[in-house]
C-alpha atoms as a PDB file:
ATOM      1  CA  MET A   1     -75.225 -12.776  10.877  1.00  0.00           C
ATOM      2  CA  LYS A   2     -72.786 -15.466   9.742  1.00  0.00           C
ATOM      3  CA  ASN A   3     -72.043 -13.404   6.655  1.00  0.00           C
ATOM      4  CA  ASN A   4     -71.101 -10.400   8.771  1.00  0.00           C
ATOM      5  CA  PHE A   5     -68.931 -12.562  10.987  1.00  0.00           C
ATOM      6  CA  GLY A   6     -67.123 -13.993   7.954  1.00  0.00           C
ATOM      7  CA  LYS A   7     -66.554 -10.548   6.498  1.00  0.00           C
ATOM      8  CA  ALA A   8     -65.242  -9.276   9.820  1.00  0.00           C
ATOM      9  CA  THR A   9     -62.915 -12.253  10.052  1.00  0.00           C
ATOM     10  CA  LEU A  10     -61.600 -11.689   6.540  1.00  0.00           C
ATOM     11  CA  LYS A  11     -61.147  -8.016   7.271  1.00  0.00           C
ATOM     12  CA  PHE A  12     -59.261  -8.845  10.467  1.00  0.00           C
ATOM     13  CA  VAL A  13     -57.033 -11.350   8.643  1.00  0.00           C
ATOM     14  CA  PHE A  14     -56.402  -8.810   5.898  1.00  0.00           C
ATOM     15  CA  VAL A  15     -55.402  -6.158   8.448  1.00  0.00           C
ATOM     16  CA  VAL A  16     -53.110  -8.630  10.221  1.00  0.00           C
ATOM     17  CA  VAL A  17     -51.469  -9.634   6.915  1.00  0.00           C
ATOM     18  CA  VAL A  18     -50.975  -5.981   5.981  1.00  0.00           C
ATOM     19  CA  MET A  19     -49.501  -5.232   9.389  1.00  0.00           C
ATOM     20  CA  LEU A  20     -47.195  -8.251   9.186  1.00  0.00           C
ATOM     21  CA  ALA A  21     -46.153  -7.264   5.667  1.00  0.00           C
ATOM     22  CA  ALA A  22     -45.479  -3.705   6.816  1.00  0.00           C
ATOM     23  CA  ALA A  23     -43.476  -4.993   9.765  1.00  0.00           C
ATOM     24  CA  TRP A  24     -41.484  -7.276   7.438  1.00  0.00           C
ATOM     25  CA  VAL A  25     -40.753  -4.344   5.129  1.00  0.00           C
ATOM     26  CA  VAL A  26     -39.563  -2.254   8.082  1.00  0.00           C
ATOM     27  CA  VAL A  27     -37.324  -5.057   9.373  1.00  0.00           C
ATOM     28  CA  ASN A  28     -36.072  -5.883   5.885  1.00  0.00           C
ATOM     29  CA  ARG A  29     -36.010  -2.346   4.537  1.00  0.00           C
ATOM     30  CA  GLN A  30     -32.455  -2.700   3.192  1.00  0.00           C
ATOM     31  CA  ALA A  31     -33.322  -5.879   1.314  1.00  0.00           C
ATOM     32  CA  VAL A  32     -36.366  -4.164  -0.243  1.00  0.00           C
ATOM     33  CA  VAL A  33     -34.302  -1.115  -1.255  1.00  0.00           C
ATOM     34  CA  ASP A  34     -31.603  -3.369  -2.727  1.00  0.00           C
ATOM     35  CA  TRP A  35     -34.185  -5.396  -4.638  1.00  0.00           C
ATOM     36  CA  ALA A  36     -35.725  -2.233  -6.125  1.00  0.00           C
ATOM     37  CA  ARG A  37     -32.324  -0.861  -7.099  1.00  0.00           C
ATOM     38  CA  LEU A  38     -31.257  -4.122  -8.738  1.00  0.00           C
ATOM     39  CA  LEU A  39     -34.505  -4.298 -10.674  1.00  0.00           C
ATOM     40  CA  ALA A  40     -33.731  -0.959 -12.307  1.00  0.00           C
ATOM     41  CA  TYR A  41     -29.960  -1.484 -12.718  1.00  0.00           C
ATOM     42  CA  THR A  42     -28.063  -2.500 -15.831  1.00  0.00           C
ATOM     43  CA  PRO A  43     -24.276  -2.709 -15.395  1.00  0.00           C
ATOM     44  CA  SER A  44     -21.967  -1.112 -17.923  1.00  0.00           C
ATOM     45  CA  ALA A  45     -19.566  -3.351 -19.814  1.00  0.00           C
ATOM     46  CA  GLU A  46     -16.709  -2.093 -17.612  1.00  0.00           C
ATOM     47  CA  VAL A  47     -18.566  -2.772 -14.362  1.00  0.00           C
ATOM     48  CA  LYS A  48     -19.606  -6.251 -15.550  1.00  0.00           C
ATOM     49  CA  ALA A  49     -15.989  -6.994 -16.500  1.00  0.00           C
ATOM     50  CA  LEU A  50     -14.856  -6.019 -12.993  1.00  0.00           C
ATOM     51  CA  ALA A  51     -17.423  -8.401 -11.484  1.00  0.00           C
ATOM     52  CA  ASP A  52     -16.364 -11.172 -13.885  1.00  0.00           C
ATOM     53  CA  ASN A  53     -12.638 -10.639 -13.351  1.00  0.00           C
ATOM     54  CA  THR A  54     -12.968 -10.780  -9.575  1.00  0.00           C
ATOM     55  CA  GLN A  55     -14.911 -14.072  -9.722  1.00  0.00           C
ATOM     56  CA  LEU A  56     -17.827 -12.689  -7.710  1.00  0.00           C
ATOM     57  CA  GLU A  57     -20.548 -15.084  -6.574  1.00  0.00           C
ATOM     58  CA  GLN A  58     -24.102 -13.956  -7.332  1.00  0.00           C
ATOM     59  CA  LYS A  59     -24.597 -12.565  -3.814  1.00  0.00           C
ATOM     60  CA  ALA A  60     -21.448 -10.447  -4.130  1.00  0.00           C
ATOM     61  CA  ARG A  61     -22.290  -9.454  -7.699  1.00  0.00           C
ATOM     62  CA  ASP A  62     -25.686  -8.187  -6.503  1.00  0.00           C
ATOM     63  CA  LEU A  63     -24.009  -6.215  -3.695  1.00  0.00           C
ATOM     64  CA  PHE A  64     -21.565  -4.742  -6.220  1.00  0.00           C
ATOM     65  CA  TYR A  65     -24.269  -3.809  -8.727  1.00  0.00           C
ATOM     66  CA  VAL A  66     -26.658  -2.433  -6.114  1.00  0.00           C
ATOM     67  CA  SER A  67     -23.850  -0.052  -5.085  1.00  0.00           C
ATOM     68  CA  ASP A  68     -23.913   1.454  -8.612  1.00  0.00           C
ATOM     69  CA  PRO A  69     -20.100   1.322  -9.116  1.00  0.00           C
ATOM     70  CA  GLN A  70     -18.604   4.347 -10.853  1.00  0.00           C
ATOM     71  CA  VAL A  71     -15.121   4.280 -12.423  1.00  0.00           C
ATOM     72  CA  GLN A  72     -14.000   7.902 -12.387  1.00  0.00           C
ATOM     73  CA  ASP A  73     -11.052  10.037 -13.473  1.00  0.00           C
ATOM     74  CA  SER A  74      -9.169  12.052 -10.869  1.00  0.00           C
ATOM     75  CA  THR A  75     -11.233  15.242 -10.591  1.00  0.00           C
ATOM     76  CA  THR A  76     -14.602  13.495 -10.327  1.00  0.00           C
ATOM     77  CA  PHE A  77     -13.181  10.748  -8.120  1.00  0.00           C
ATOM     78  CA  ASN A  78     -11.655  13.230  -5.673  1.00  0.00           C
ATOM     79  CA  ALA A  79     -15.027  14.961  -5.405  1.00  0.00           C
ATOM     80  CA  SER A  80     -16.794  11.631  -4.830  1.00  0.00           C
ATOM     81  CA  CYS A  81     -14.219  10.294  -2.368  1.00  0.00           C
ATOM     82  CA  SER A  82     -13.135  13.454  -0.553  1.00  0.00           C
ATOM     83  CA  SER A  83     -11.339  12.174   2.527  1.00  0.00           C
ATOM     84  CA  ASN A  84      -8.819  13.041   5.227  1.00  0.00           C
ATOM     85  CA  GLU A  85      -7.097   9.656   4.904  1.00  0.00           C
ATOM     86  CA  GLN A  86      -3.310   9.787   4.997  1.00  0.00           C
ATOM     87  CA  THR A  87      -2.951   6.898   2.550  1.00  0.00           C
ATOM     88  CA  ILE A  88      -3.518   6.911  -1.203  1.00  0.00           C
ATOM     89  CA  VAL A  89      -7.238   6.343  -1.853  1.00  0.00           C
ATOM     90  CA  LEU A  90      -8.019   3.966  -4.740  1.00  0.00           C
ATOM     91  CA  GLY A  91     -11.732   3.665  -4.074  1.00  0.00           C
ATOM     92  CA  CYS A  92     -14.423   4.369  -1.520  1.00  0.00           C
ATOM     93  CA  TYR A  93     -17.838   3.221  -0.363  1.00  0.00           C
ATOM     94  CA  LYS A  94     -20.022   6.188   0.517  1.00  0.00           C
ATOM     95  CA  ALA A  95     -23.770   6.475   0.986  1.00  0.00           C
ATOM     96  CA  GLN A  96     -24.095   2.903  -0.319  1.00  0.00           C
ATOM     97  CA  ARG A  97     -22.293   3.801  -3.549  1.00  0.00           C
ATOM     98  CA  ILE A  98     -18.944   2.498  -4.808  1.00  0.00           C
ATOM     99  CA  TYR A  99     -16.447   4.831  -6.500  1.00  0.00           C
ATOM    100  CA  LEU A 100     -13.252   3.579  -8.129  1.00  0.00           C
ATOM    101  CA  TYR A 101     -10.290   5.620  -9.361  1.00  0.00           C
ATOM    102  CA  ASN A 102      -9.619   4.948 -13.036  1.00  0.00           C
ATOM    103  CA  ILE A 103      -5.939   3.974 -12.870  1.00  0.00           C
ATOM    104  CA  LYS A 104      -4.643   3.697 -16.426  1.00  0.00           C
ATOM    105  CA  ASP A 105      -1.030   2.668 -15.790  1.00  0.00           C
ATOM    106  CA  GLU A 106      -0.695  -0.840 -17.264  1.00  0.00           C
ATOM    107  CA  ARG A 107       1.859  -1.758 -14.599  1.00  0.00           C
ATOM    108  CA  PHE A 108      -1.078  -1.883 -12.202  1.00  0.00           C
ATOM    109  CA  ASN A 109      -3.433  -4.123 -14.135  1.00  0.00           C
ATOM    110  CA  GLY A 110      -5.664  -5.762 -11.548  1.00  0.00           C
ATOM    111  CA  ILE A 111      -5.610  -2.925  -9.042  1.00  0.00           C
ATOM    112  CA  LYS A 112      -9.136  -1.801 -10.004  1.00  0.00           C
ATOM    113  CA  GLU A 113     -10.384  -5.363  -9.582  1.00  0.00           C
ATOM    114  CA  VAL A 114      -8.936  -5.619  -6.071  1.00  0.00           C
ATOM    115  CA  THR A 115     -10.376  -2.217  -5.156  1.00  0.00           C
ATOM    116  CA  ALA A 116     -13.792  -3.164  -6.551  1.00  0.00           C
ATOM    117  CA  ALA A 117     -13.839  -6.362  -4.469  1.00  0.00           C
ATOM    118  CA  HIS A 118     -12.597  -4.440  -1.412  1.00  0.00           C
ATOM    119  CA  GLU A 119     -15.446  -1.923  -1.647  1.00  0.00           C
ATOM    120  CA  MET A 120     -18.018  -4.654  -2.333  1.00  0.00           C
ATOM    121  CA  LEU A 121     -17.009  -6.246   0.988  1.00  0.00           C
ATOM    122  CA  HIS A 122     -17.721  -2.917   2.712  1.00  0.00           C
ATOM    123  CA  ALA A 123     -21.246  -3.113   1.285  1.00  0.00           C
ATOM    124  CA  ALA A 124     -21.527  -6.654   2.614  1.00  0.00           C
ATOM    125  CA  TYR A 125     -20.243  -5.715   6.065  1.00  0.00           C
ATOM    126  CA  GLU A 126     -22.686  -2.797   6.323  1.00  0.00           C
ATOM    127  CA  ARG A 127     -25.624  -5.131   5.701  1.00  0.00           C
ATOM    128  CA  MET A 128     -24.659  -7.665   8.377  1.00  0.00           C
ATOM    129  CA  SER A 129     -26.639  -7.961  11.569  1.00  0.00           C
ATOM    130  CA  ASP A 130     -24.811  -7.044  14.776  1.00  0.00           C
ATOM    131  CA  ASP A 131     -24.530 -10.749  15.658  1.00  0.00           C
ATOM    132  CA  GLU A 132     -23.049 -11.595  12.273  1.00  0.00           C
ATOM    133  CA  LYS A 133     -20.577  -8.712  12.502  1.00  0.00           C
ATOM    134  CA  GLN A 134     -19.465  -9.945  15.909  1.00  0.00           C
ATOM    135  CA  ARG A 135     -19.030 -13.486  14.572  1.00  0.00           C
ATOM    136  CA  VAL A 136     -16.933 -12.272  11.632  1.00  0.00           C
ATOM    137  CA  ASN A 137     -14.929  -9.893  13.849  1.00  0.00           C
ATOM    138  CA  ASP A 138     -14.124 -12.813  16.147  1.00  0.00           C
ATOM    139  CA  LEU A 139     -12.810 -14.754  13.135  1.00  0.00           C
ATOM    140  CA  LEU A 140     -10.694 -11.779  12.023  1.00  0.00           C
ATOM    141  CA  LYS A 141      -9.403 -10.856  15.483  1.00  0.00           C
ATOM    142  CA  PRO A 142      -6.609 -13.504  15.815  1.00  0.00           C
ATOM    143  CA  LEU A 143      -5.200 -12.529  12.409  1.00  0.00           C
ATOM    144  CA  VAL A 144      -5.289  -8.820  13.245  1.00  0.00           C
ATOM    145  CA  GLU A 145      -3.703  -9.306  16.671  1.00  0.00           C
ATOM    146  CA  ASN A 146      -0.912 -11.552  15.302  1.00  0.00           C
ATOM    147  CA  MET A 147      -0.231  -9.583  12.145  1.00  0.00           C
ATOM    148  CA  LYS A 148       3.424  -9.426  11.040  1.00  0.00           C
ATOM    149  CA  ASP A 149       3.222  -7.643   7.666  1.00  0.00           C
ATOM    150  CA  PRO A 150       4.707  -4.132   8.216  1.00  0.00           C
ATOM    151  CA  ARG A 151       2.368  -2.535   5.669  1.00  0.00           C
ATOM    152  CA  LEU A 152      -0.739  -4.034   7.275  1.00  0.00           C
ATOM    153  CA  LEU A 153       0.518  -3.223  10.763  1.00  0.00           C
ATOM    154  CA  GLU A 154       0.888   0.391   9.667  1.00  0.00           C
ATOM    155  CA  LEU A 155      -2.695   0.336   8.364  1.00  0.00           C
ATOM    156  CA  VAL A 156      -3.982  -1.151  11.627  1.00  0.00           C
ATOM    157  CA  GLU A 157      -2.230   1.607  13.566  1.00  0.00           C
ATOM    158  CA  LEU A 158      -3.638   4.239  11.210  1.00  0.00           C
ATOM    159  CA  TYR A 159      -7.222   2.964  11.455  1.00  0.00           C
ATOM    160  CA  ASN A 160      -6.961   2.625  15.248  1.00  0.00           C
ATOM    161  CA  LYS A 161      -5.940   6.278  15.333  1.00  0.00           C
ATOM    162  CA  THR A 162      -8.245   7.801  12.708  1.00  0.00           C
ATOM    163  CA  GLU A 163     -11.228   5.409  12.595  1.00  0.00           C
ATOM    164  CA  PRO A 164     -11.108   3.274  15.750  1.00  0.00           C
ATOM    165  CA  GLY A 165     -14.620   1.912  15.283  1.00  0.00           C
ATOM    166  CA  GLU A 166     -13.962   0.866  11.685  1.00  0.00           C
ATOM    167  CA  LEU A 167     -10.887  -1.346  12.109  1.00  0.00           C
ATOM    168  CA  TYR A 168     -12.659  -4.675  11.565  1.00  0.00           C
ATOM    169  CA  ASN A 169     -14.765  -3.241   8.753  1.00  0.00           C
ATOM    170  CA  GLU A 170     -11.492  -2.355   6.995  1.00  0.00           C
ATOM    171  CA  MET A 171      -9.757  -5.619   7.889  1.00  0.00           C
ATOM    172  CA  HIS A 172     -12.774  -7.542   6.566  1.00  0.00           C
ATOM    173  CA  SER A 173     -12.135  -5.928   3.153  1.00  0.00           C
ATOM    174  CA  ILE A 174      -8.319  -5.911   3.246  1.00  0.00           C
ATOM    175  CA  LEU A 175      -7.766  -9.496   4.385  1.00  0.00           C
ATOM    176  CA  GLY A 176     -10.553 -10.757   2.148  1.00  0.00           C
ATOM    177  CA  THR A 177      -8.896  -9.344  -0.984  1.00  0.00           C
ATOM    178  CA  GLU A 178      -5.174  -9.321  -0.149  1.00  0.00           C
ATOM    179  CA  ALA A 179      -4.346 -12.164   2.250  1.00  0.00           C
ATOM    180  CA  ALA A 180      -3.580 -15.326   0.293  1.00  0.00           C
ATOM    181  CA  ASP A 181      -3.748 -17.566   3.375  1.00  0.00           C
ATOM    182  CA  LEU A 182      -6.575 -17.327   5.868  1.00  0.00           C
ATOM    183  CA  THR A 183      -7.966 -19.675   8.490  1.00  0.00           C
ATOM    184  CA  PRO A 184     -10.286 -22.447   7.195  1.00  0.00           C
ATOM    185  CA  GLU A 185     -13.223 -20.703   8.901  1.00  0.00           C
ATOM    186  CA  LEU A 186     -12.540 -17.437   7.085  1.00  0.00           C
ATOM    187  CA  GLU A 187     -11.951 -19.196   3.762  1.00  0.00           C
ATOM    188  CA  THR A 188     -15.359 -20.828   4.165  1.00  0.00           C
ATOM    189  CA  TYR A 189     -16.902 -17.482   5.086  1.00  0.00           C
ATOM    190  CA  TYR A 190     -15.507 -15.662   2.018  1.00  0.00           C
ATOM    191  CA  LYS A 191     -16.753 -18.401  -0.342  1.00  0.00           C
ATOM    192  CA  GLN A 192     -20.185 -16.767  -0.266  1.00  0.00           C
ATOM    193  CA  TYR A 193     -18.608 -13.779  -2.062  1.00  0.00           C
ATOM    194  CA  PHE A 194     -15.926 -15.310  -4.326  1.00  0.00           C
ATOM    195  CA  LYS A 195     -15.953 -18.318  -6.626  1.00  0.00           C
ATOM    196  CA  ASP A 196     -12.156 -18.300  -6.405  1.00  0.00           C
ATOM    197  CA  ARG A 197     -10.744 -15.756  -3.950  1.00  0.00           C
ATOM    198  CA  SER A 198      -7.179 -16.532  -5.048  1.00  0.00           C
ATOM    199  CA  VAL A 199      -7.853 -14.672  -8.314  1.00  0.00           C
ATOM    200  CA  VAL A 200      -8.254 -11.426  -6.364  1.00  0.00           C
ATOM    201  CA  THR A 201      -5.317 -12.071  -4.021  1.00  0.00           C
ATOM    202  CA  ARG A 202      -3.087 -12.795  -7.041  1.00  0.00           C
ATOM    203  CA  TYR A 203      -4.034  -9.419  -8.513  1.00  0.00           C
ATOM    204  CA  ALA A 204      -3.124  -7.820  -5.181  1.00  0.00           C
ATOM    205  CA  GLY A 205       0.171  -9.704  -4.993  1.00  0.00           C
ATOM    206  CA  GLN A 206       1.133  -8.663  -8.525  1.00  0.00           C
ATOM    207  CA  TYR A 207       0.835  -4.931  -8.001  1.00  0.00           C
ATOM    208  CA  GLN A 208       2.184  -5.028  -4.440  1.00  0.00           C
ATOM    209  CA  ALA A 209       5.254  -6.872  -5.801  1.00  0.00           C
ATOM    210  CA  ILE A 210       6.062  -3.807  -7.928  1.00  0.00           C
ATOM    211  CA  PHE A 211       6.361  -1.650  -4.806  1.00  0.00           C
ATOM    212  CA  THR A 212       8.186  -4.398  -2.898  1.00  0.00           C
ATOM    213  CA  GLU A 213      10.767  -4.735  -5.669  1.00  0.00           C
ATOM    214  CA  SER A 214      11.329  -0.977  -5.739  1.00  0.00           C
ATOM    215  CA  LYS A 215      11.665  -0.824  -1.944  1.00  0.00           C
ATOM    216  CA  ASN A 216      14.085  -3.762  -1.941  1.00  0.00           C
ATOM    217  CA  LYS A 217      16.293  -2.029  -4.510  1.00  0.00           C
ATOM    218  CA  ILE A 218      16.400   1.134  -2.418  1.00  0.00           C
ATOM    219  CA  ASP A 219      17.157  -0.914   0.706  1.00  0.00           C
ATOM    220  CA  GLU A 220      20.039  -2.624  -1.111  1.00  0.00           C
ATOM    221  CA  TYR A 221      21.478   0.724  -2.200  1.00  0.00           C
ATOM    222  CA  ASP A 222      21.192   1.943   1.404  1.00  0.00           C
ATOM    223  CA  ARG A 223      22.970  -1.192   2.624  1.00  0.00           C
ATOM    224  CA  GLN A 224      25.869  -0.686   0.202  1.00  0.00           C
ATOM    225  CA  LEU A 225      26.092   3.017   1.010  1.00  0.00           C
ATOM    226  CA  SER A 226      26.104   2.311   4.746  1.00  0.00           C
ATOM    227  CA  GLN A 227      29.063  -0.032   4.230  1.00  0.00           C
ATOM    228  CA  LEU A 228      31.011   2.372   2.014  1.00  0.00           C
ATOM    229  CA  LYS A 229      30.623   5.520   4.101  1.00  0.00           C
ATOM    230  CA  PRO A 230      32.529   4.336   7.215  1.00  0.00           C
ATOM    231  CA  GLN A 231      35.289   3.041   4.968  1.00  0.00           C
ATOM    232  CA  ILE A 232      35.562   6.383   3.179  1.00  0.00           C
ATOM    233  CA  ASP A 233      35.465   8.254   6.496  1.00  0.00           C
ATOM    234  CA  GLN A 234      38.199   6.025   7.911  1.00  0.00           C
ATOM    235  CA  ASN A 235      40.346   6.512   4.800  1.00  0.00           C
ATOM    236  CA  ASN A 236      39.890  10.280   4.981  1.00  0.00           C
ATOM    237  CA  SER A 237      40.907  10.224   8.627  1.00  0.00           C
ATOM    238  CA  THR A 238      43.989   8.142   7.774  1.00  0.00           C
ATOM    239  CA  LEU A 239      44.854  10.454   4.888  1.00  0.00           C
ATOM    240  CA  GLN A 240      44.646  13.482   7.169  1.00  0.00           C
ATOM    241  CA  ARG A 241      46.965  11.827   9.683  1.00  0.00           C
ATOM    242  CA  MET A 242      49.407  10.795   6.935  1.00  0.00           C
ATOM    243  CA  GLN A 243      49.279  14.275   5.423  1.00  0.00           C
ATOM    244  CA  ASP A 244      50.229  15.778   8.789  1.00  0.00           C
ATOM    245  CA  GLU A 245      53.084  13.289   9.164  1.00  0.00           C
ATOM    246  CA  LEU A 246      54.332  13.953   5.620  1.00  0.00           C
ATOM    247  CA  ALA A 247      54.179  17.691   6.204  1.00  0.00           C
ATOM    248  CA  SER A 248      56.261  17.227   9.353  1.00  0.00           C
ATOM    249  CA  GLN A 249      58.776  15.012   7.532  1.00  0.00           C
ATOM    250  CA  SER A 250      58.915  17.412   4.587  1.00  0.00           C
ATOM    251  CA  ASN A 251      59.686  20.242   6.990  1.00  0.00           C
ATOM    252  CA  GLN A 252      62.413  18.101   8.604  1.00  0.00           C
ATOM    253  CA  LEU A 253      63.940  17.342   5.206  1.00  0.00           C
ATOM    254  CA  SER A 254      63.961  21.037   4.354  1.00  0.00           C
ATOM    255  CA  GLN A 255      65.797  21.763   7.604  1.00  0.00           C
ATOM    256  CA  TYR A 256      68.369  19.011   6.934  1.00  0.00           C
ATOM    257  CA  ARG A 257      68.984  20.354   3.479  1.00  0.00           C
ATOM    258  CA  SER A 258      69.273  23.984   4.623  1.00  0.00           C
ATOM    259  CA  ARG A 259      71.765  22.932   7.262  1.00  0.00           C
ATOM    260  CA  ASN A 260      73.646  20.749   4.806  1.00  0.00           C
ATOM    261  CA  GLN A 261      72.994  17.680   6.975  1.00  0.00           C
ATOM    262  CA  ILE A 262      73.236  15.306   4.026  1.00  0.00           C
ATOM    263  CA  GLN A 263      73.492  12.050   5.978  1.00  0.00           C
ATOM    264  CA  GLN A 264      70.373  12.718   8.031  1.00  0.00           C
ATOM    265  CA  TYR A 265      68.588  13.919   4.890  1.00  0.00           C
ATOM    266  CA  ASN A 266      69.455  10.758   2.952  1.00  0.00           C
ATOM    267  CA  GLN A 267      68.371   8.537   5.840  1.00  0.00           C
ATOM    268  CA  LEU A 268      64.909  10.131   5.999  1.00  0.00           C
ATOM    269  CA  VAL A 269      64.231  10.265   2.235  1.00  0.00           C
ATOM    270  CA  PRO A 270      63.424   6.528   1.687  1.00  0.00           C
ATOM    271  CA  SER A 271      60.837   6.360   4.479  1.00  0.00           C
ATOM    272  CA  TYR A 272      59.400   9.680   3.349  1.00  0.00           C
ATOM    273  CA  ASN A 273      59.100   8.499  -0.272  1.00  0.00           C
ATOM    274  CA  ALA A 274      57.521   5.200   0.853  1.00  0.00           C
ATOM    275  CA  GLU A 275      54.935   7.065   2.890  1.00  0.00           C
ATOM    276  CA  VAL A 276      54.245   9.414  -0.050  1.00  0.00           C
ATOM    277  CA  ALA A 277      53.639   6.370  -2.263  1.00  0.00           C
ATOM    278  CA  GLU A 278      51.349   4.844   0.378  1.00  0.00           C
ATOM    279  CA  PHE A 279      49.554   8.182   0.740  1.00  0.00           C
ATOM    280  CA  ASN A 280      49.016   8.505  -3.028  1.00  0.00           C
ATOM    281  CA  ALA A 281      47.811   4.895  -3.283  1.00  0.00           C
ATOM    282  CA  LEU A 282      45.307   5.467  -0.496  1.00  0.00           C
ATOM    283  CA  ILE A 283      44.125   8.654  -2.226  1.00  0.00           C
ATOM    284  CA  GLU A 284      43.443   6.665  -5.414  1.00  0.00           C
ATOM    285  CA  THR A 285      41.643   3.936  -3.474  1.00  0.00           C
ATOM    286  CA  THR A 286      39.539   6.518  -1.673  1.00  0.00           C
ATOM    287  CA  ARG A 287      38.736   8.322  -4.893  1.00  0.00           C
ATOM    288  CA  GLY A 288      37.500   5.014  -6.295  1.00  0.00           C
ATOM    289  CA  LEU A 289      35.329   4.456  -3.222  1.00  0.00           C
ATOM    290  CA  VAL A 290      33.957   7.995  -3.438  1.00  0.00           C
ATOM    291  CA  SER A 291      33.223   7.500  -7.145  1.00  0.00           C
ATOM    292  CA  THR A 292      31.401   4.244  -6.374  1.00  0.00           C
ATOM    293  CA  TYR A 293      29.534   5.924  -3.513  1.00  0.00           C
ATOM    294  CA  ASN A 294      28.440   8.845  -5.684  1.00  0.00           C
ATOM    295  CA  LYS A 295      27.312   6.479  -8.435  1.00  0.00           C
ATOM    296  CA  LEU A 296      25.269   4.478  -5.941  1.00  0.00           C
ATOM    297  CA  VAL A 297      23.717   7.684  -4.590  1.00  0.00           C
ATOM    298  CA  GLU A 298      22.725   8.660  -8.118  1.00  0.00           C
ATOM    299  CA  GLU A 299      21.265   5.217  -8.818  1.00  0.00           C
ATOM    300  CA  ARG A 300      19.424   5.264  -5.480  1.00  0.00           C
ATOM    301  CA  ASN A 301      17.996   8.702  -6.224  1.00  0.00           C
ATOM    302  CA  ASN A 302      16.853   7.468  -9.635  1.00  0.00           C
ATOM    303  CA  GLN A 303      15.159   4.503  -7.966  1.00  0.00           C
ATOM    304  CA  VAL A 304      13.473   6.783  -5.424  1.00  0.00           C
ATOM    305  CA  ALA A 305      12.235   8.934  -8.316  1.00  0.00           C
ATOM    306  CA  ALA A 306      10.944   5.792 -10.058  1.00  0.00           C
ATOM    307  CA  GLN A 307       9.193   4.735  -6.855  1.00  0.00           C
ATOM    308  CA  THR A 308       7.656   8.189  -6.524  1.00  0.00           C
ATOM    309  CA  ASN A 309       6.455   7.851 -10.109  1.00  0.00           C
ATOM    310  CA  LEU A 310       4.796   4.550  -9.162  1.00  0.00           C
ATOM    311  CA  TYR A 311       2.913   6.195  -6.317  1.00  0.00           C
ATOM    312  CA  ASP A 312       2.020   9.212  -8.459  1.00  0.00           C
ATOM    313  CA  SER A 313       0.492   6.945 -11.093  1.00  0.00           C
ATOM    314  CA  ILE A 314      -2.081   5.622  -8.590  1.00  0.00           C
ATOM    315  CA  ASN A 315      -2.567   8.870  -6.657  1.00  0.00           C
ATOM    316  CA  SER A 316      -5.691  10.697  -7.794  1.00  0.00           C
ATOM    317  CA  ASN A 317      -4.456  13.872  -6.088  1.00  0.00           C
ATOM    318  CA  TYR A 318      -1.226  13.999  -8.093  1.00  0.00           C
ATOM    319  CA  GLN A 319      -1.217  16.689 -10.747  1.00  0.00           C
ATOM    320  CA  PRO A 320       1.841  16.822 -13.057  1.00  0.00           C
ATOM    321  CA  ALA A 321       3.417  20.228 -13.510  1.00  0.00           C
ATOM    322  CA  THR A 322       2.505  21.994 -16.732  1.00  0.00           C
ATOM    323  CA  LYS A 323       4.700  24.277 -18.804  1.00  0.00           C
ATOM    324  CA  ASN A 324       3.780  27.932 -19.180  1.00  0.00           C
END
């Protein structure tokens, strides 16, 4: 009888343990899936280098690896990251997989690292509990609401319009990889992902500086052109007025001469000649201004073309024209 009772007890305990284990697996399904994926995953040399270069802590490295990062050329990348986003897409996190565009332009060394870290943070955000997401969102909220950077403000507006529910998911990745200065609370929070977050933000600053420099050059050309144009317009207006006056005086001189009014003719000639000299001098000055203006326009257009080339080099959708 005691034997049967002991067996029944063991059986009951076994059933309870199995049920508890099953419940734990259900509650922690993502952790189990991640563990199984990591067990079977071996990173490529390129993927490992990205993790090393971004100074990922082990937790972040596991999140990166479990997302099976793929560095892809344009055609494959565009198929993997098909999107209606209005900005240039450098990477994406879809169906718990990370895809990175293989940018080969050496001017943008570090851009793949920043994108890799950005997408890893999407994987981290997805795995947070609702309470943890709310806590992190509350830490991000003051920075988002008091943002001054025009580029980031434009992104906030875009995400509010196209993906209103994903704003803090995006800001969690953007601020974590691009903002050099965060609140102490956020710096502490991001330490679980980065050994040294400044390594990633320096990468971001380096390639963003290329675009900033190009934009600043164009802005300076625009400033100079905006100063020259009113001056040229004013000179042209003055020249038109002087031309009308000279034409009138020339007509008067012709009349004096035809009527043999020598005294009146001689009296008008000096002022007429002085105005002609002034007119010709102003023409030369204006020609110089126009030449300078045209040169600046050409240089500005060259800079715009160079800036377009910068964007094309990181745009997976850009296809250079081919000769027939």
